[in-house]
Amino acid sequence: MTNDELITKLKTIIEPYIQDEVAFKTLSEDTDFINDLKVNSANLVDIILDIEDEFNIRLENEDMEKMLDVKAAMLIINTKLKA
C-alpha cells in the first residue's frame, strides 16, 4: 500500500472525530491528531480501534501511546502489516 493510499484510508477513519476542518483538509504526514485536528483523547482511542478493524491488525499499548500523529500512525500500521 502506498503512502497516499494509507493517508486516504486514515482520513476516512479520522474524519468523524475531527474538530478542525481546515487542518483536516490539509492533512499530511505531519498532522498531529490532538494539536492540529483537535481530537480529544477518548476519540483518539476510537480512532485506534477503528484502525485495528480497518487494517485487521492488533495494536499494543506502546503502539497506541506513540500514535499521536499521521506519520507515527502510518509507520505503526506499515510495521504491523509487514509482520
Protein backbone atom coordinates (compact mmCIF):
# COMPACT_ATOMS: atom_id res chain seq x y z
CA MET A 1 0.00 0.00 0.00
CA THR A 2 1.38 3.40 -0.96
CA ASN A 3 1.59 6.31 1.48
CA ASP A 4 -1.15 8.14 -0.44
CA GLU A 5 -3.47 5.13 -0.19
CA LEU A 6 -2.74 4.83 3.50
CA ILE A 7 -3.40 8.53 4.11
CA THR A 8 -6.69 8.24 2.22
CA LYS A 9 -7.78 5.34 4.43
CA LEU A 10 -6.69 7.19 7.56
CA LYS A 11 -8.65 10.29 6.51
CA THR A 12 -11.81 8.17 6.25
CA ILE A 13 -11.21 6.75 9.72
CA ILE A 14 -10.30 10.08 11.34
CA GLU A 15 -12.95 12.32 9.76
CA PRO A 16 -15.84 11.58 12.18
CA TYR A 17 -13.70 12.62 15.16
CA ILE A 18 -12.03 15.84 14.00
CA GLN A 19 -12.84 19.28 15.39
CA ASP A 20 -10.77 21.39 12.97
CA GLU A 21 -12.00 21.18 9.36
CA VAL A 22 -9.24 23.41 7.98
CA ALA A 23 -6.47 21.23 9.41
CA PHE A 24 -8.27 18.13 8.14
CA LYS A 25 -8.39 19.49 4.59
CA THR A 26 -4.62 19.95 4.63
CA LEU A 27 -3.91 16.65 6.41
CA SER A 28 -0.39 15.38 5.81
CA GLU A 29 2.13 13.08 7.47
CA ASP A 30 2.98 15.92 9.86
CA THR A 31 -0.60 16.42 11.09
CA ASP A 32 -0.98 15.88 14.83
CA PHE A 33 -4.27 14.30 15.92
CA ILE A 34 -4.64 16.28 19.14
CA ASN A 35 -2.92 19.61 18.43
CA ASP A 36 -3.93 20.06 14.77
CA LEU A 37 -7.20 18.16 14.39
CA LYS A 38 -8.37 18.85 17.97
CA VAL A 39 -9.26 15.18 18.52
CA ASN A 40 -9.85 14.51 22.22
CA SER A 41 -8.22 11.58 24.00
CA ALA A 42 -11.41 9.49 24.11
CA ASN A 43 -11.86 9.88 20.36
CA LEU A 44 -8.19 9.05 19.81
CA VAL A 45 -8.92 5.66 21.37
CA ASP A 46 -11.86 5.28 18.95
CA ILE A 47 -9.56 6.11 16.03
CA ILE A 48 -7.07 3.49 17.19
CA LEU A 49 -9.81 0.86 17.48
CA ASP A 50 -11.08 1.79 14.01
CA ILE A 51 -7.53 1.46 12.63
CA GLU A 52 -7.29 -2.03 14.14
CA ASP A 53 -10.58 -3.01 12.46
CA GLU A 54 -9.80 -1.42 9.09
CA PHE A 55 -6.35 -2.96 8.73
CA ASN A 56 -7.05 -6.18 10.67
CA ILE A 57 -4.10 -5.56 13.00
CA ARG A 58 -3.60 -5.64 16.76
CA LEU A 59 -2.05 -2.57 18.37
CA GLU A 60 -0.26 -2.90 21.68
CA ASN A 61 -0.35 -0.23 24.39
CA GLU A 62 3.10 1.05 23.41
CA ASP A 63 1.89 1.44 19.80
CA MET A 64 -1.15 3.40 20.98
CA GLU A 65 0.99 5.72 23.10
CA LYS A 66 3.13 6.58 20.05
CA MET A 67 0.21 7.07 17.65
CA LEU A 68 -0.19 10.82 18.10
CA ASP A 69 0.25 11.99 14.52
CA VAL A 70 -0.30 10.74 10.99
CA LYS A 71 3.36 9.86 10.41
CA ALA A 72 3.51 7.67 13.55
CA ALA A 73 0.22 6.01 12.63
CA MET A 74 1.50 5.21 9.13
CA LEU A 75 4.76 3.79 10.48
CA ILE A 76 2.99 1.59 13.03
CA ILE A 77 0.38 0.38 10.52
CA ASN A 78 3.02 -0.47 7.92
CA THR A 79 5.13 -2.29 10.52
CA LYS A 80 2.13 -4.34 11.67
CA LEU A 81 1.07 -5.16 8.11
CA LYS A 82 4.55 -6.45 7.26
CA ALA A 83 4.75 -8.63 10.41
